[in-house]
Amino acid sequence: AGLDEETRARVAALYESMCKWDAVATAVPGVVERLKNLRTLHEHALSHLQTAQALSAQQEATVQQIATTQGLLKELQARFPENMRRVEANFASLEGRLAKLAEQIK
């Protein structure tokens, strides 16, 4: 066939390019399989990360609830003696009134 020099050079370049791509083409299925495995690994990692983030948020909420509960407990402990004194005073007053009532009934 009467191909000119330019056409022969182009054909030779295309042939070389195809030979290089043949090596790449044989590696593609392996690369695709590794990418699929990596995708699965990344999905598992994301799931674990989301679980860890949820646990961290839950822990923060629990710590806040504990702090609030401790504050309320301290407030209760501080007010308890005064409340107990008032209850005792109310009972004493009630006992006094009942005694007066009992004297009036006699």
PDB file of N, CA and C in Angstrom:
ATOM      1  N   ALA A   1       0.853  -1.167   0.000  1.00  0.00           N
ATOM      2  CA  ALA A   1       0.000   0.000   0.000  1.00  0.00           C
ATOM      3  C   ALA A   1       0.886   1.212   0.000  1.00  0.00           C
ATOM      4  N   GLY A   2       0.468   2.179  -0.718  1.00  0.00           N
ATOM      5  CA  GLY A   2       1.274   3.367  -0.902  1.00  0.00           C
ATOM      6  C   GLY A   2       0.964   4.434   0.127  1.00  0.00           C
ATOM      7  N   LEU A   3       1.395   4.237   1.365  1.00  0.00           N
ATOM      8  CA  LEU A   3       1.169   5.224   2.424  1.00  0.00           C
ATOM      9  C   LEU A   3       2.338   6.186   2.451  1.00  0.00           C
ATOM     10  N   ASP A   4       2.032   7.423   2.611  1.00  0.00           N
ATOM     11  CA  ASP A   4       3.117   8.396   2.702  1.00  0.00           C
ATOM     12  C   ASP A   4       3.750   8.339   4.086  1.00  0.00           C
ATOM     13  N   GLU A   5       4.844   9.015   4.232  1.00  0.00           N
ATOM     14  CA  GLU A   5       5.630   8.975   5.471  1.00  0.00           C
ATOM     15  C   GLU A   5       4.825   9.505   6.665  1.00  0.00           C
ATOM     16  N   GLU A   6       4.063  10.541   6.496  1.00  0.00           N
ATOM     17  CA  GLU A   6       3.264  11.142   7.588  1.00  0.00           C
ATOM     18  C   GLU A   6       2.216  10.150   8.083  1.00  0.00           C
ATOM     19  N   THR A   7       1.557   9.449   7.153  1.00  0.00           N
ATOM     20  CA  THR A   7       0.535   8.490   7.527  1.00  0.00           C
ATOM     21  C   THR A   7       1.172   7.328   8.268  1.00  0.00           C
ATOM     22  N   ARG A   8       2.344   6.872   7.790  1.00  0.00           N
ATOM     23  CA  ARG A   8       3.050   5.782   8.466  1.00  0.00           C
ATOM     24  C   ARG A   8       3.442   6.181   9.885  1.00  0.00           C
ATOM     25  N   ALA A   9       3.874   7.393  10.071  1.00  0.00           N
ATOM     26  CA  ALA A   9       4.264   7.876  11.401  1.00  0.00           C
ATOM     27  C   ALA A   9       3.042   7.923  12.310  1.00  0.00           C
ATOM     28  N   ARG A  10       1.937   8.368  11.791  1.00  0.00           N
ATOM     29  CA  ARG A  10       0.702   8.426  12.588  1.00  0.00           C
ATOM     30  C   ARG A  10       0.240   7.031  12.981  1.00  0.00           C
ATOM     31  N   VAL A  11       0.304   6.075  12.026  1.00  0.00           N
ATOM     32  CA  VAL A  11      -0.076   4.696  12.307  1.00  0.00           C
ATOM     33  C   VAL A  11       0.848   4.109  13.368  1.00  0.00           C
ATOM     34  N   ALA A  12       2.144   4.377  13.263  1.00  0.00           N
ATOM     35  CA  ALA A  12       3.107   3.862  14.239  1.00  0.00           C
ATOM     36  C   ALA A  12       2.822   4.464  15.623  1.00  0.00           C
ATOM     37  N   ALA A  13       2.509   5.762  15.686  1.00  0.00           N
ATOM     38  CA  ALA A  13       2.206   6.411  16.967  1.00  0.00           C
ATOM     39  C   ALA A  13       0.941   5.821  17.567  1.00  0.00           C
ATOM     40  N   LEU A  14      -0.077   5.589  16.739  1.00  0.00           N
ATOM     41  CA  LEU A  14      -1.311   4.983  17.222  1.00  0.00           C
ATOM     42  C   LEU A  14      -1.059   3.567  17.738  1.00  0.00           C
ATOM     43  N   TYR A  15      -0.225   2.812  17.047  1.00  0.00           N
ATOM     44  CA  TYR A  15       0.095   1.456  17.476  1.00  0.00           C
ATOM     45  C   TYR A  15       0.804   1.467  18.837  1.00  0.00           C
ATOM     46  N   GLU A  16       1.763   2.362  18.992  1.00  0.00           N
ATOM     47  CA  GLU A  16       2.469   2.483  20.273  1.00  0.00           C
ATOM     48  C   GLU A  16       1.503   2.865  21.385  1.00  0.00           C
ATOM     49  N   SER A  17       0.614   3.784  21.082  1.00  0.00           N
ATOM     50  CA  SER A  17      -0.371   4.223  22.063  1.00  0.00           C
ATOM     51  C   SER A  17      -1.283   3.060  22.453  1.00  0.00           C
ATOM     52  N   MET A  18      -1.711   2.276  21.479  1.00  0.00           N
ATOM     53  CA  MET A  18      -2.569   1.130  21.757  1.00  0.00           C
ATOM     54  C   MET A  18      -1.834   0.092  22.606  1.00  0.00           C
ATOM     55  N   CYS A  19      -0.564  -0.113  22.355  1.00  0.00           N
ATOM     56  CA  CYS A  19       0.208  -1.074  23.141  1.00  0.00           C
ATOM     57  C   CYS A  19       0.289  -0.619  24.597  1.00  0.00           C
ATOM     58  N   LYS A  20       0.480   0.679  24.817  1.00  0.00           N
ATOM     59  CA  LYS A  20       0.524   1.215  26.185  1.00  0.00           C
ATOM     60  C   LYS A  20      -0.832   1.042  26.863  1.00  0.00           C
ATOM     61  N   TRP A  21      -1.892   1.307  26.132  1.00  0.00           N
ATOM     62  CA  TRP A  21      -3.234   1.210  26.708  1.00  0.00           C
ATOM     63  C   TRP A  21      -3.654  -0.232  26.942  1.00  0.00           C
ATOM     64  N   ASP A  22      -3.082  -1.177  26.203  1.00  0.00           N
ATOM     65  CA  ASP A  22      -3.371  -2.596  26.460  1.00  0.00           C
ATOM     66  C   ASP A  22      -2.939  -2.967  27.877  1.00  0.00           C
ATOM     67  N   ALA A  23      -1.778  -2.489  28.298  1.00  0.00           N
ATOM     68  CA  ALA A  23      -1.293  -2.784  29.648  1.00  0.00           C
ATOM     69  C   ALA A  23      -2.225  -2.148  30.690  1.00  0.00           C
ATOM     70  N   VAL A  24      -2.662  -0.940  30.401  1.00  0.00           N
ATOM     71  CA  VAL A  24      -3.569  -0.255  31.319  1.00  0.00           C
ATOM     72  C   VAL A  24      -4.905  -0.985  31.354  1.00  0.00           C
ATOM     73  N   ALA A  25      -5.391  -1.412  30.203  1.00  0.00           N
ATOM     74  CA  ALA A  25      -6.699  -2.077  30.121  1.00  0.00           C
ATOM     75  C   ALA A  25      -6.711  -3.372  30.924  1.00  0.00           C
ATOM     76  N   THR A  26      -5.602  -4.091  30.965  1.00  0.00           N
ATOM     77  CA  THR A  26      -5.577  -5.327  31.751  1.00  0.00           C
ATOM     78  C   THR A  26      -5.586  -5.033  33.253  1.00  0.00           C
ATOM     79  N   ALA A  27      -5.116  -3.868  33.655  1.00  0.00           N
ATOM     80  CA  ALA A  27      -5.087  -3.503  35.075  1.00  0.00           C
ATOM     81  C   ALA A  27      -6.420  -2.925  35.544  1.00  0.00           C
ATOM     82  N   VAL A  28      -7.256  -2.450  34.638  1.00  0.00           N
ATOM     83  CA  VAL A  28      -8.506  -1.763  35.014  1.00  0.00           C
ATOM     84  C   VAL A  28      -9.429  -2.634  35.871  1.00  0.00           C
ATOM     85  N   PRO A  29      -9.688  -3.887  35.538  1.00  0.00           N
ATOM     86  CA  PRO A  29     -10.586  -4.676  36.396  1.00  0.00           C
ATOM     87  C   PRO A  29     -10.091  -4.779  37.848  1.00  0.00           C
ATOM     88  N   GLY A  30      -8.790  -4.935  38.025  1.00  0.00           N
ATOM     89  CA  GLY A  30      -8.229  -4.991  39.378  1.00  0.00           C
ATOM     90  C   GLY A  30      -8.403  -3.664  40.110  1.00  0.00           C
ATOM     91  N   VAL A  31      -8.198  -2.579  39.389  1.00  0.00           N
ATOM     92  CA  VAL A  31      -8.367  -1.251  39.990  1.00  0.00           C
ATOM     93  C   VAL A  31      -9.828  -1.035  40.371  1.00  0.00           C
ATOM     94  N   VAL A  32     -10.735  -1.438  39.496  1.00  0.00           N
ATOM     95  CA  VAL A  32     -12.165  -1.292  39.781  1.00  0.00           C
ATOM     96  C   VAL A  32     -12.533  -2.104  41.025  1.00  0.00           C
ATOM     97  N   GLU A  33     -12.027  -3.321  41.135  1.00  0.00           N
ATOM     98  CA  GLU A  33     -12.313  -4.159  42.305  1.00  0.00           C
ATOM     99  C   GLU A  33     -11.763  -3.523  43.579  1.00  0.00           C
ATOM    100  N   ARG A  34     -10.554  -2.983  43.513  1.00  0.00           N
ATOM    101  CA  ARG A  34      -9.988  -2.302  44.695  1.00  0.00           C
ATOM    102  C   ARG A  34     -10.804  -1.074  45.066  1.00  0.00           C
ATOM    103  N   LEU A  35     -11.270  -0.345  44.065  1.00  0.00           N
ATOM    104  CA  LEU A  35     -12.106   0.828  44.348  1.00  0.00           C
ATOM    105  C   LEU A  35     -13.423   0.417  45.012  1.00  0.00           C
ATOM    106  N   LYS A  36     -14.008  -0.683  44.554  1.00  0.00           N
ATOM    107  CA  LYS A  36     -15.240  -1.181  45.184  1.00  0.00           C
ATOM    108  C   LYS A  36     -14.974  -1.546  46.645  1.00  0.00           C
ATOM    109  N   ASN A  37     -13.850  -2.234  46.893  1.00  0.00           N
ATOM    110  CA  ASN A  37     -13.494  -2.603  48.263  1.00  0.00           C
ATOM    111  C   ASN A  37     -13.254  -1.355  49.118  1.00  0.00           C
ATOM    112  N   LEU A  38     -12.603  -0.372  48.543  1.00  0.00           N
ATOM    113  CA  LEU A  38     -12.367   0.879  49.266  1.00  0.00           C
ATOM    114  C   LEU A  38     -13.679   1.586  49.578  1.00  0.00           C
ATOM    115  N   ARG A  39     -14.617   1.516  48.645  1.00  0.00           N
ATOM    116  CA  ARG A  39     -15.915   2.139  48.875  1.00  0.00           C
ATOM    117  C   ARG A  39     -16.606   1.488  50.073  1.00  0.00           C
ATOM    118  N   THR A  40     -16.574   0.158  50.104  1.00  0.00           N
ATOM    119  CA  THR A  40     -17.169  -0.562  51.235  1.00  0.00           C
ATOM    120  C   THR A  40     -16.465  -0.185  52.532  1.00  0.00           C
ATOM    121  N   LEU A  41     -15.148  -0.130  52.495  1.00  0.00           N
ATOM    122  CA  LEU A  41     -14.375   0.250  53.675  1.00  0.00           C
ATOM    123  C   LEU A  41     -14.738   1.666  54.132  1.00  0.00           C
ATOM    124  N   HIS A  42     -14.846   2.584  53.191  1.00  0.00           N
ATOM    125  CA  HIS A  42     -15.201   3.972  53.524  1.00  0.00           C
ATOM    126  C   HIS A  42     -16.628   4.057  54.085  1.00  0.00           C
ATOM    127  N   GLU A  43     -17.527   3.264  53.554  1.00  0.00           N
ATOM    128  CA  GLU A  43     -18.899   3.257  54.078  1.00  0.00           C
ATOM    129  C   GLU A  43     -18.915   2.759  55.519  1.00  0.00           C
ATOM    130  N   HIS A  44     -18.132   1.713  55.810  1.00  0.00           N
ATOM    131  CA  HIS A  44     -18.046   1.208  57.185  1.00  0.00           C
ATOM    132  C   HIS A  44     -17.411   2.263  58.096  1.00  0.00           C
ATOM    133  N   ALA A  45     -16.371   2.894  57.600  1.00  0.00           N
ATOM    134  CA  ALA A  45     -15.702   3.930  58.397  1.00  0.00           C
ATOM    135  C   ALA A  45     -16.662   5.079  58.681  1.00  0.00           C
ATOM    136  N   LEU A  46     -17.445   5.465  57.694  1.00  0.00           N
ATOM    137  CA  LEU A  46     -18.420   6.540  57.885  1.00  0.00           C
ATOM    138  C   LEU A  46     -19.466   6.135  58.917  1.00  0.00           C
ATOM    139  N   SER A  47     -19.914   4.891  58.840  1.00  0.00           N
ATOM    140  CA  SER A  47     -20.889   4.394  59.805  1.00  0.00           C
ATOM    141  C   SER A  47     -20.316   4.442  61.219  1.00  0.00           C
ATOM    142  N   HIS A  48     -19.080   4.011  61.378  1.00  0.00           N
ATOM    143  CA  HIS A  48     -18.441   4.044  62.699  1.00  0.00           C
ATOM    144  C   HIS A  48     -18.249   5.483  63.171  1.00  0.00           C
ATOM    145  N   LEU A  49     -17.894   6.355  62.259  1.00  0.00           N
ATOM    146  CA  LEU A  49     -17.716   7.769  62.616  1.00  0.00           C
ATOM    147  C   LEU A  49     -19.036   8.366  63.077  1.00  0.00           C
ATOM    148  N   GLN A  50     -20.112   8.076  62.366  1.00  0.00           N
ATOM    149  CA  GLN A  50     -21.427   8.596  62.758  1.00  0.00           C
ATOM    150  C   GLN A  50     -21.848   8.051  64.118  1.00  0.00           C
ATOM    151  N   THR A  51     -21.554   6.779  64.369  1.00  0.00           N
ATOM    152  CA  THR A  51     -21.861   6.186  65.670  1.00  0.00           C
ATOM    153  C   THR A  51     -21.052   6.869  66.765  1.00  0.00           C
ATOM    154  N   ALA A  52     -19.778   7.095  66.505  1.00  0.00           N
ATOM    155  CA  ALA A  52     -18.924   7.760  67.487  1.00  0.00           C
ATOM    156  C   ALA A  52     -19.395   9.187  67.746  1.00  0.00           C
ATOM    157  N   GLN A  53     -19.811   9.879  66.707  1.00  0.00           N
ATOM    158  CA  GLN A  53     -20.317  11.244  66.884  1.00  0.00           C
ATOM    159  C   GLN A  53     -21.605  11.246  67.695  1.00  0.00           C
ATOM    160  N   ALA A  54     -22.478  10.285  67.433  1.00  0.00           N
ATOM    161  CA  ALA A  54     -23.735  10.191  68.195  1.00  0.00           C
ATOM    162  C   ALA A  54     -23.441   9.893  69.663  1.00  0.00           C
ATOM    163  N   LEU A  55     -22.503   8.984  69.909  1.00  0.00           N
ATOM    164  CA  LEU A  55     -22.134   8.665  71.289  1.00  0.00           C
ATOM    165  C   LEU A  55     -21.509   9.873  71.984  1.00  0.00           C
ATOM    166  N   SER A  56     -20.704  10.611  71.258  1.00  0.00           N
ATOM    167  CA  SER A  56     -20.087  11.811  71.826  1.00  0.00           C
ATOM    168  C   SER A  56     -21.142  12.845  72.183  1.00  0.00           C
ATOM    169  N   ALA A  57     -22.104  13.043  71.307  1.00  0.00           N
ATOM    170  CA  ALA A  57     -23.183  14.002  71.583  1.00  0.00           C
ATOM    171  C   ALA A  57     -24.014  13.538  72.774  1.00  0.00           C
ATOM    172  N   GLN A  58     -24.277  12.242  72.837  1.00  0.00           N
ATOM    173  CA  GLN A  58     -25.043  11.693  73.955  1.00  0.00           C
ATOM    174  C   GLN A  58     -24.263  11.849  75.258  1.00  0.00           C
ATOM    175  N   GLN A  59     -22.964  11.648  75.196  1.00  0.00           N
ATOM    176  CA  GLN A  59     -22.132  11.813  76.388  1.00  0.00           C
ATOM    177  C   GLN A  59     -22.141  13.274  76.858  1.00  0.00           C
ATOM    178  N   GLU A  60     -22.051  14.195  75.924  1.00  0.00           N
ATOM    179  CA  GLU A  60     -22.101  15.613  76.281  1.00  0.00           C
ATOM    180  C   GLU A  60     -23.434  15.961  76.941  1.00  0.00           C
ATOM    181  N   ALA A  61     -24.526  15.437  76.405  1.00  0.00           N
ATOM    182  CA  ALA A  61     -25.837  15.695  76.986  1.00  0.00           C
ATOM    183  C   ALA A  61     -25.926  15.095  78.392  1.00  0.00           C
ATOM    184  N   THR A  62     -25.373  13.903  78.569  1.00  0.00           N
ATOM    185  CA  THR A  62     -25.387  13.254  79.882  1.00  0.00           C
ATOM    186  C   THR A  62     -24.561  14.045  80.887  1.00  0.00           C
ATOM    187  N   VAL A  63     -23.405  14.513  80.460  1.00  0.00           N
ATOM    188  CA  VAL A  63     -22.561  15.326  81.341  1.00  0.00           C
ATOM    189  C   VAL A  63     -23.302  16.594  81.752  1.00  0.00           C
ATOM    190  N   GLN A  64     -23.995  17.209  80.806  1.00  0.00           N
ATOM    191  CA  GLN A  64     -24.767  18.418  81.118  1.00  0.00           C
ATOM    192  C   GLN A  64     -25.890  18.108  82.098  1.00  0.00           C
ATOM    193  N   GLN A  65     -26.567  16.991  81.904  1.00  0.00           N
ATOM    194  CA  GLN A  65     -27.646  16.599  82.811  1.00  0.00           C
ATOM    195  C   GLN A  65     -27.106  16.325  84.216  1.00  0.00           C
ATOM    196  N   ILE A  66     -25.957  15.696  84.295  1.00  0.00           N
ATOM    197  CA  ILE A  66     -25.341  15.425  85.593  1.00  0.00           C
ATOM    198  C   ILE A  66     -24.983  16.736  86.289  1.00  0.00           C
ATOM    199  N   ALA A  67     -24.427  17.678  85.542  1.00  0.00           N
ATOM    200  CA  ALA A  67     -24.071  18.974  86.125  1.00  0.00           C
ATOM    201  C   ALA A  67     -25.318  19.689  86.641  1.00  0.00           C
ATOM    202  N   THR A  68     -26.389  19.649  85.858  1.00  0.00           N
ATOM    203  CA  THR A  68     -27.646  20.276  86.273  1.00  0.00           C
ATOM    204  C   THR A  68     -28.190  19.594  87.523  1.00  0.00           C
ATOM    205  N   THR A  69     -28.166  18.275  87.545  1.00  0.00           N
ATOM    206  CA  THR A  69     -28.663  17.509  88.689  1.00  0.00           C
ATOM    207  C   THR A  69     -27.829  17.802  89.939  1.00  0.00           C
ATOM    208  N   GLN A  70     -26.524  17.904  89.776  1.00  0.00           N
ATOM    209  CA  GLN A  70     -25.661  18.217  90.909  1.00  0.00           C
ATOM    210  C   GLN A  70     -25.979  19.606  91.465  1.00  0.00           C
ATOM    211  N   GLY A  71     -26.232  20.558  90.574  1.00  0.00           N
ATOM    212  CA  GLY A  71     -26.596  21.902  91.016  1.00  0.00           C
ATOM    213  C   GLY A  71     -27.898  21.898  91.784  1.00  0.00           C
ATOM    214  N   LEU A  72     -28.872  21.164  91.272  1.00  0.00           N
ATOM    215  CA  LEU A  72     -30.164  21.073  91.960  1.00  0.00           C
ATOM    216  C   LEU A  72     -30.029  20.373  93.313  1.00  0.00           C
ATOM    217  N   LEU A  73     -29.197  19.348  93.377  1.00  0.00           N
ATOM    218  CA  LEU A  73     -28.975  18.636  94.630  1.00  0.00           C
ATOM    219  C   LEU A  73     -28.325  19.556  95.669  1.00  0.00           C
ATOM    220  N   LYS A  74     -27.345  20.331  95.248  1.00  0.00           N
ATOM    221  CA  LYS A  74     -26.700  21.277  96.169  1.00  0.00           C
ATOM    222  C   LYS A  74     -27.709  22.301  96.679  1.00  0.00           C
ATOM    223  N   GLU A  75     -28.562  22.780  95.778  1.00  0.00           N
ATOM    224  CA  GLU A  75     -29.589  23.746  96.173  1.00  0.00           C
ATOM    225  C   GLU A  75     -30.564  23.113  97.161  1.00  0.00           C
ATOM    226  N   LEU A  76     -30.950  21.870  96.912  1.00  0.00           N
ATOM    227  CA  LEU A  76     -31.843  21.156  97.818  1.00  0.00           C
ATOM    228  C   LEU A  76     -31.188  20.972  99.183  1.00  0.00           C
ATOM    229  N   GLN A  77     -29.938  20.582  99.183  1.00  0.00           N
ATOM    230  CA  GLN A  77     -29.215  20.386 100.441  1.00  0.00           C
ATOM    231  C   GLN A  77     -29.098  21.700 101.211  1.00  0.00           C
ATOM    232  N   ALA A  78     -28.911  22.797 100.504  1.00  0.00           N
ATOM    233  CA  ALA A  78     -28.787  24.095 101.164  1.00  0.00           C
ATOM    234  C   ALA A  78     -30.123  24.530 101.769  1.00  0.00           C
ATOM    235  N   ARG A  79     -31.214  24.229 101.102  1.00  0.00           N
ATOM    236  CA  ARG A  79     -32.530  24.673 101.558  1.00  0.00           C
ATOM    237  C   ARG A  79     -33.184  23.708 102.548  1.00  0.00           C
ATOM    238  N   PHE A  80     -32.706  22.484 102.605  1.00  0.00           N
ATOM    239  CA  PHE A  80     -33.350  21.473 103.429  1.00  0.00           C
ATOM    240  C   PHE A  80     -33.420  21.855 104.909  1.00  0.00           C
ATOM    241  N   PRO A  81     -32.327  22.339 105.535  1.00  0.00           N
ATOM    242  CA  PRO A  81     -32.428  22.678 106.966  1.00  0.00           C
ATOM    243  C   PRO A  81     -33.501  23.743 107.249  1.00  0.00           C
ATOM    244  N   GLU A  82     -33.599  24.765 106.409  1.00  0.00           N
ATOM    245  CA  GLU A  82     -34.611  25.806 106.602  1.00  0.00           C
ATOM    246  C   GLU A  82     -36.012  25.232 106.435  1.00  0.00           C
ATOM    247  N   ASN A  83     -36.200  24.380 105.426  1.00  0.00           N
ATOM    248  CA  ASN A  83     -37.503  23.755 105.217  1.00  0.00           C
ATOM    249  C   ASN A  83     -37.870  22.860 106.402  1.00  0.00           C
ATOM    250  N   MET A  84     -36.905  22.120 106.929  1.00  0.00           N
ATOM    251  CA  MET A  84     -37.161  21.257 108.074  1.00  0.00           C
ATOM    252  C   MET A  84     -37.549  22.104 109.295  1.00  0.00           C
ATOM    253  N   ARG A  85     -36.868  23.235 109.491  1.00  0.00           N
ATOM    254  CA  ARG A  85     -37.192  24.126 110.600  1.00  0.00           C
ATOM    255  C   ARG A  85     -38.626  24.636 110.470  1.00  0.00           C
ATOM    256  N   ARG A  86     -39.018  24.991 109.251  1.00  0.00           N
ATOM    257  CA  ARG A  86     -40.385  25.473 109.025  1.00  0.00           C
ATOM    258  C   ARG A  86     -41.421  24.379 109.302  1.00  0.00           C
ATOM    259  N   VAL A  87     -41.131  23.159 108.850  1.00  0.00           N
ATOM    260  CA  VAL A  87     -42.054  22.047 109.097  1.00  0.00           C
ATOM    261  C   VAL A  87     -42.199  21.820 110.601  1.00  0.00           C
ATOM    262  N   GLU A  88     -41.079  21.822 111.322  1.00  0.00           N
ATOM    263  CA  GLU A  88     -41.130  21.623 112.778  1.00  0.00           C
ATOM    264  C   GLU A  88     -41.923  22.743 113.444  1.00  0.00           C
ATOM    265  N   ALA A  89     -41.722  23.987 112.990  1.00  0.00           N
ATOM    266  CA  ALA A  89     -42.463  25.125 113.551  1.00  0.00           C
ATOM    267  C   ALA A  89     -43.958  24.978 113.262  1.00  0.00           C
ATOM    268  N   ASN A  90     -44.297  24.541 112.062  1.00  0.00           N
ATOM    269  CA  ASN A  90     -45.708  24.345 111.718  1.00  0.00           C
ATOM    270  C   ASN A  90     -46.337  23.250 112.584  1.00  0.00           C
ATOM    271  N   PHE A  91     -45.594  22.163 112.823  1.00  0.00           N
ATOM    272  CA  PHE A  91     -46.110  21.105 113.687  1.00  0.00           C
ATOM    273  C   PHE A  91     -46.298  21.618 115.117  1.00  0.00           C
ATOM    274  N   ALA A  92     -45.343  22.392 115.590  1.00  0.00           N
ATOM    275  CA  ALA A  92     -45.454  22.941 116.948  1.00  0.00           C
ATOM    276  C   ALA A  92     -46.679  23.849 117.037  1.00  0.00           C
ATOM    277  N   SER A  93     -46.876  24.676 116.018  1.00  0.00           N
ATOM    278  CA  SER A  93     -48.033  25.570 116.002  1.00  0.00           C
ATOM    279  C   SER A  93     -49.323  24.760 115.972  1.00  0.00           C
ATOM    280  N   LEU A  94     -49.349  23.726 115.135  1.00  0.00           N
ATOM    281  CA  LEU A  94     -50.527  22.873 115.030  1.00  0.00           C
ATOM    282  C   LEU A  94     -50.815  22.172 116.366  1.00  0.00           C
ATOM    283  N   GLU A  95     -49.781  21.683 117.004  1.00  0.00           N
ATOM    284  CA  GLU A  95     -49.956  21.026 118.307  1.00  0.00           C
ATOM    285  C   GLU A  95     -50.505  22.014 119.336  1.00  0.00           C
ATOM    286  N   GLY A  96     -49.998  23.248 119.293  1.00  0.00           N
ATOM    287  CA  GLY A  96     -50.502  24.278 120.207  1.00  0.00           C
ATOM    288  C   GLY A  96     -51.974  24.573 119.960  1.00  0.00           C
ATOM    289  N   ARG A  97     -52.348  24.673 118.696  1.00  0.00           N
ATOM    290  CA  ARG A  97     -53.751  24.952 118.364  1.00  0.00           C
ATOM    291  C   ARG A  97     -54.657  23.789 118.774  1.00  0.00           C
ATOM    292  N   LEU A  98     -54.139  22.567 118.537  1.00  0.00           N
ATOM    293  CA  LEU A  98     -54.922  21.399 118.939  1.00  0.00           C
ATOM    294  C   LEU A  98     -55.086  21.351 120.457  1.00  0.00           C
ATOM    295  N   ALA A  99     -54.055  21.720 121.188  1.00  0.00           N
ATOM    296  CA  ALA A  99     -54.142  21.738 122.652  1.00  0.00           C
ATOM    297  C   ALA A  99     -55.163  22.775 123.108  1.00  0.00           C
ATOM    298  N   LYS A 100     -55.145  23.962 122.500  1.00  0.00           N
ATOM    299  CA  LYS A 100     -56.132  24.998 122.852  1.00  0.00           C
ATOM    300  C   LYS A 100     -57.548  24.509 122.533  1.00  0.00           C
ATOM    301  N   LEU A 101     -57.702  23.868 121.386  1.00  0.00           N
ATOM    302  CA  LEU A 101     -58.997  23.358 120.983  1.00  0.00           C
ATOM    303  C   LEU A 101     -59.482  22.284 121.970  1.00  0.00           C
ATOM    304  N   ALA A 102     -58.543  21.441 122.381  1.00  0.00           N
ATOM    305  CA  ALA A 102     -58.901  20.396 123.344  1.00  0.00           C
ATOM    306  C   ALA A 102     -59.346  20.998 124.672  1.00  0.00           C
ATOM    307  N   GLU A 103     -58.699  22.104 125.111  1.00  0.00           N
ATOM    308  CA  GLU A 103     -59.086  22.773 126.353  1.00  0.00           C
ATOM    309  C   GLU A 103     -60.463  23.400 126.211  1.00  0.00           C
ATOM    310  N   GLN A 104     -60.772  23.960 125.041  1.00  0.00           N
ATOM    311  CA  GLN A 104     -62.079  24.586 124.833  1.00  0.00           C
ATOM    312  C   GLN A 104     -63.194  23.546 124.828  1.00  0.00           C
ATOM    313  N   ILE A 105     -62.903  22.356 124.331  1.00  0.00           N
ATOM    314  CA  ILE A 105     -63.907  21.307 124.250  1.00  0.00           C
ATOM    315  C   ILE A 105     -64.210  20.762 125.638  1.00  0.00           C
ATOM    316  N   LYS A 106     -63.296  20.722 126.557  1.00  0.00           N
ATOM    317  CA  LYS A 106     -63.522  20.175 127.882  1.00  0.00           C
ATOM    318  C   LYS A 106     -64.527  20.925 128.623  1.00  0.00           C
TER     319      LYS A 106
END
